[in-house]
Amino acid sequence: MKLAVTTMCWGKLRNEKELGQALHTAREIGYQGIGLEFRLLPQEILRSPEKLPQMLTQEGLENAGGYFALRDEQLELAKRSDTRVLWIVS
């Protein structure tokens, strides 16, 4: 079994550096994965979600899935960020 935490714990992240710090902290605590709350990610990541896989790999974390509303643009974010597990919320 692997343990993951959601980015929701950090609230709205303002920039890529804050996201990197959150990922680093999660790994230091002992989590192996991150659940991505896409509405709380920084705008620069939402514009370039392809950065997420590298950021996660750099910290030794797995993408544990993402929280999404069922909209085309959010499904595109999932695809571009290599998020393979989706939790659909309304």
N, C-alpha and C. Protein backbone atom coordinates (compact mmCIF):
# COMPACT_ATOMS: atom_id res chain seq x y z
N MET A 1 0.84 -1.17 0.00
CA MET A 1 0.00 0.00 0.00
C MET A 1 0.89 1.24 0.00
N LYS A 2 0.43 2.26 -0.72
CA LYS A 2 1.15 3.54 -0.77
C LYS A 2 0.27 4.61 -0.16
N LEU A 3 0.91 5.60 0.43
CA LEU A 3 0.21 6.68 1.10
C LEU A 3 0.36 7.97 0.30
N ALA A 4 -0.77 8.65 0.06
CA ALA A 4 -0.76 9.90 -0.69
C ALA A 4 -1.51 10.97 0.10
N VAL A 5 -1.22 12.21 -0.23
CA VAL A 5 -1.89 13.36 0.38
C VAL A 5 -2.33 14.29 -0.75
N THR A 6 -3.42 15.00 -0.54
CA THR A 6 -3.89 15.93 -1.57
C THR A 6 -3.28 17.31 -1.38
N THR A 7 -3.11 18.02 -2.49
CA THR A 7 -2.60 19.38 -2.41
C THR A 7 -3.59 20.31 -1.72
N MET A 8 -4.80 19.86 -1.49
CA MET A 8 -5.80 20.65 -0.78
C MET A 8 -5.29 21.06 0.60
N CYS A 9 -4.44 20.26 1.18
CA CYS A 9 -3.89 20.56 2.52
C CYS A 9 -3.11 21.87 2.55
N TRP A 10 -2.58 22.29 1.41
CA TRP A 10 -1.78 23.52 1.35
C TRP A 10 -2.62 24.73 0.91
N GLY A 11 -3.87 24.50 0.52
CA GLY A 11 -4.70 25.60 0.04
C GLY A 11 -4.26 26.05 -1.34
N LYS A 12 -4.67 27.25 -1.72
CA LYS A 12 -4.32 27.80 -3.04
C LYS A 12 -2.83 28.10 -3.09
N LEU A 13 -2.14 27.47 -4.00
CA LEU A 13 -0.71 27.68 -4.18
C LEU A 13 -0.51 28.79 -5.20
N ARG A 14 0.29 29.78 -4.86
CA ARG A 14 0.40 30.99 -5.68
C ARG A 14 1.34 30.86 -6.86
N ASN A 15 2.34 29.98 -6.76
CA ASN A 15 3.31 29.88 -7.86
C ASN A 15 3.97 28.50 -7.86
N GLU A 16 4.77 28.28 -8.87
CA GLU A 16 5.44 26.98 -9.04
C GLU A 16 6.37 26.67 -7.87
N LYS A 17 7.02 27.67 -7.34
CA LYS A 17 7.92 27.47 -6.20
C LYS A 17 7.15 26.95 -4.98
N GLU A 18 5.98 27.53 -4.70
CA GLU A 18 5.17 27.06 -3.58
C GLU A 18 4.73 25.61 -3.80
N LEU A 19 4.35 25.28 -5.02
CA LEU A 19 3.98 23.89 -5.32
C LEU A 19 5.17 22.98 -5.08
N GLY A 20 6.34 23.37 -5.54
CA GLY A 20 7.55 22.56 -5.33
C GLY A 20 7.83 22.35 -3.86
N GLN A 21 7.65 23.39 -3.06
CA GLN A 21 7.86 23.28 -1.61
C GLN A 21 6.84 22.33 -0.99
N ALA A 22 5.59 22.40 -1.44
CA ALA A 22 4.56 21.50 -0.93
C ALA A 22 4.89 20.05 -1.27
N LEU A 23 5.33 19.82 -2.50
CA LEU A 23 5.71 18.46 -2.91
C LEU A 23 6.88 17.95 -2.07
N HIS A 24 7.86 18.80 -1.87
CA HIS A 24 9.03 18.43 -1.07
C HIS A 24 8.62 18.09 0.36
N THR A 25 7.77 18.91 0.94
CA THR A 25 7.30 18.67 2.31
C THR A 25 6.55 17.34 2.40
N ALA A 26 5.69 17.07 1.42
CA ALA A 26 4.94 15.82 1.42
C ALA A 26 5.89 14.63 1.41
N ARG A 27 6.93 14.71 0.60
CA ARG A 27 7.89 13.60 0.52
C ARG A 27 8.67 13.47 1.82
N GLU A 28 9.07 14.60 2.40
CA GLU A 28 9.80 14.56 3.69
C GLU A 28 8.97 13.92 4.78
N ILE A 29 7.65 14.17 4.77
CA ILE A 29 6.76 13.59 5.78
C ILE A 29 6.65 12.08 5.60
N GLY A 30 6.82 11.63 4.36
CA GLY A 30 6.78 10.20 4.10
C GLY A 30 5.71 9.75 3.11
N TYR A 31 5.02 10.70 2.49
CA TYR A 31 4.03 10.33 1.49
C TYR A 31 4.73 9.87 0.21
N GLN A 32 4.07 8.95 -0.49
CA GLN A 32 4.61 8.45 -1.75
C GLN A 32 3.90 9.03 -2.97
N GLY A 33 2.77 9.69 -2.74
CA GLY A 33 2.01 10.23 -3.85
C GLY A 33 1.29 11.51 -3.48
N ILE A 34 0.81 12.18 -4.52
CA ILE A 34 0.08 13.45 -4.37
C ILE A 34 -1.21 13.37 -5.16
N GLY A 35 -2.32 13.70 -4.49
CA GLY A 35 -3.59 13.91 -5.16
C GLY A 35 -3.68 15.38 -5.52
N LEU A 36 -3.94 15.68 -6.77
CA LEU A 36 -3.89 17.06 -7.27
C LEU A 36 -5.27 17.71 -7.26
N GLU A 37 -5.40 18.76 -6.52
CA GLU A 37 -6.61 19.58 -6.50
C GLU A 37 -6.37 20.69 -7.53
N PHE A 38 -6.77 20.46 -8.77
CA PHE A 38 -6.38 21.34 -9.85
C PHE A 38 -6.85 22.78 -9.67
N ARG A 39 -7.99 23.00 -9.04
CA ARG A 39 -8.47 24.37 -8.86
C ARG A 39 -7.59 25.17 -7.90
N LEU A 40 -6.73 24.49 -7.13
CA LEU A 40 -5.86 25.15 -6.18
C LEU A 40 -4.41 25.25 -6.66
N LEU A 41 -4.13 24.77 -7.85
CA LEU A 41 -2.77 24.84 -8.38
C LEU A 41 -2.48 26.23 -8.94
N PRO A 42 -1.22 26.62 -8.96
CA PRO A 42 -0.85 27.93 -9.50
C PRO A 42 -1.20 28.07 -10.98
N GLN A 43 -1.50 29.30 -11.40
CA GLN A 43 -1.85 29.57 -12.79
C GLN A 43 -0.76 29.11 -13.76
N GLU A 44 0.51 29.27 -13.38
CA GLU A 44 1.58 28.88 -14.30
C GLU A 44 1.57 27.37 -14.55
N ILE A 45 1.14 26.59 -13.58
CA ILE A 45 1.02 25.13 -13.77
C ILE A 45 -0.21 24.81 -14.60
N LEU A 46 -1.30 25.55 -14.37
CA LEU A 46 -2.51 25.32 -15.16
C LEU A 46 -2.27 25.66 -16.63
N ARG A 47 -1.41 26.62 -16.90
CA ARG A 47 -1.07 26.97 -18.29
C ARG A 47 -0.12 25.94 -18.91
N SER A 48 0.71 25.30 -18.07
CA SER A 48 1.70 24.32 -18.56
C SER A 48 1.67 23.07 -17.67
N PRO A 49 0.56 22.32 -17.71
CA PRO A 49 0.46 21.15 -16.83
C PRO A 49 1.46 20.05 -17.14
N GLU A 50 2.13 20.15 -18.28
CA GLU A 50 3.16 19.17 -18.63
C GLU A 50 4.31 19.19 -17.64
N LYS A 51 4.42 20.26 -16.86
CA LYS A 51 5.49 20.37 -15.85
C LYS A 51 5.27 19.44 -14.66
N LEU A 52 4.03 19.08 -14.41
CA LEU A 52 3.72 18.29 -13.20
C LEU A 52 4.44 16.94 -13.13
N PRO A 53 4.43 16.13 -14.19
CA PRO A 53 5.11 14.82 -14.07
C PRO A 53 6.58 14.96 -13.66
N GLN A 54 7.28 15.92 -14.23
CA GLN A 54 8.70 16.11 -13.89
C GLN A 54 8.85 16.57 -12.44
N MET A 55 7.98 17.48 -12.00
CA MET A 55 8.06 17.96 -10.62
C MET A 55 7.83 16.82 -9.63
N LEU A 56 6.86 15.98 -9.93
CA LEU A 56 6.57 14.84 -9.05
C LEU A 56 7.72 13.84 -9.04
N THR A 57 8.23 13.52 -10.22
CA THR A 57 9.35 12.58 -10.32
C THR A 57 10.57 13.10 -9.59
N GLN A 58 10.82 14.39 -9.72
CA GLN A 58 11.97 15.02 -9.06
C GLN A 58 11.91 14.83 -7.54
N GLU A 59 10.71 14.80 -6.99
CA GLU A 59 10.55 14.60 -5.54
C GLU A 59 10.32 13.15 -5.17
N GLY A 60 10.31 12.26 -6.16
CA GLY A 60 10.09 10.84 -5.87
C GLY A 60 8.64 10.53 -5.51
N LEU A 61 7.71 11.31 -6.06
CA LEU A 61 6.29 11.14 -5.76
C LEU A 61 5.53 10.65 -6.99
N GLU A 62 4.43 9.96 -6.75
CA GLU A 62 3.56 9.51 -7.83
C GLU A 62 2.35 10.42 -7.92
N ASN A 63 1.80 10.53 -9.11
CA ASN A 63 0.55 11.26 -9.32
C ASN A 63 -0.57 10.31 -8.88
N ALA A 64 -1.19 10.62 -7.75
CA ALA A 64 -2.23 9.76 -7.19
C ALA A 64 -3.61 10.11 -7.72
N GLY A 65 -3.69 11.01 -8.67
CA GLY A 65 -4.97 11.37 -9.26
C GLY A 65 -5.30 12.82 -9.05
N GLY A 66 -6.41 13.23 -9.65
CA GLY A 66 -6.80 14.63 -9.56
C GLY A 66 -8.28 14.80 -9.36
N TYR A 67 -8.63 15.90 -8.74
CA TYR A 67 -10.03 16.28 -8.53
C TYR A 67 -10.46 17.20 -9.66
N PHE A 68 -11.54 16.87 -10.33
CA PHE A 68 -11.97 17.61 -11.50
C PHE A 68 -13.48 17.75 -11.54
N ALA A 69 -13.93 18.87 -12.09
CA ALA A 69 -15.31 18.96 -12.56
C ALA A 69 -15.28 18.35 -13.96
N LEU A 70 -16.35 17.81 -14.39
CA LEU A 70 -16.38 17.12 -15.68
C LEU A 70 -16.60 18.14 -16.80
N ARG A 71 -15.51 18.83 -17.13
CA ARG A 71 -15.52 19.83 -18.21
C ARG A 71 -14.36 19.52 -19.15
N ASP A 72 -14.57 19.84 -20.42
CA ASP A 72 -13.55 19.53 -21.43
C ASP A 72 -12.18 20.09 -21.08
N GLU A 73 -12.13 21.36 -20.63
CA GLU A 73 -10.82 21.97 -20.35
C GLU A 73 -10.12 21.27 -19.18
N GLN A 74 -10.88 20.77 -18.23
CA GLN A 74 -10.25 20.07 -17.11
C GLN A 74 -9.80 18.67 -17.52
N LEU A 75 -10.53 18.04 -18.40
CA LEU A 75 -10.08 16.74 -18.91
C LEU A 75 -8.80 16.91 -19.73
N GLU A 76 -8.69 18.02 -20.42
CA GLU A 76 -7.46 18.31 -21.17
C GLU A 76 -6.29 18.51 -20.21
N LEU A 77 -6.53 19.19 -19.07
CA LEU A 77 -5.49 19.34 -18.04
C LEU A 77 -5.03 17.98 -17.54
N ALA A 78 -5.98 17.09 -17.29
CA ALA A 78 -5.63 15.75 -16.82
C ALA A 78 -4.74 15.04 -17.83
N LYS A 79 -5.12 15.12 -19.07
CA LYS A 79 -4.34 14.46 -20.13
C LYS A 79 -2.93 15.04 -20.22
N ARG A 80 -2.83 16.37 -20.25
CA ARG A 80 -1.53 17.02 -20.41
C ARG A 80 -0.62 16.86 -19.20
N SER A 81 -1.21 16.62 -18.02
CA SER A 81 -0.40 16.44 -16.81
C SER A 81 -0.16 14.97 -16.48
N ASP A 82 -0.61 14.08 -17.36
CA ASP A 82 -0.46 12.64 -17.16
C ASP A 82 -1.16 12.17 -15.88
N THR A 83 -2.32 12.76 -15.59
CA THR A 83 -3.13 12.35 -14.45
C THR A 83 -4.07 11.26 -14.93
N ARG A 84 -3.86 10.04 -14.44
CA ARG A 84 -4.60 8.89 -14.96
C ARG A 84 -5.79 8.47 -14.10
N VAL A 85 -5.87 9.00 -12.89
CA VAL A 85 -7.01 8.71 -12.02
C VAL A 85 -7.73 10.03 -11.78
N LEU A 86 -9.03 10.06 -12.04
CA LEU A 86 -9.81 11.27 -11.88
C LEU A 86 -10.91 11.06 -10.85
N TRP A 87 -11.02 12.01 -9.94
CA TRP A 87 -12.13 12.04 -9.01
C TRP A 87 -13.02 13.17 -9.50
N ILE A 88 -14.20 12.83 -9.97
CA ILE A 88 -15.09 13.81 -10.56
C ILE A 88 -15.95 14.43 -9.45
N VAL A 89 -15.93 15.75 -9.39
CA VAL A 89 -16.72 16.48 -8.40
C VAL A 89 -17.61 17.47 -9.13
N SER A 90 -18.66 17.89 -8.46
CA SER A 90 -19.56 18.86 -9.12
C SER A 90 -19.37 20.24 -8.54
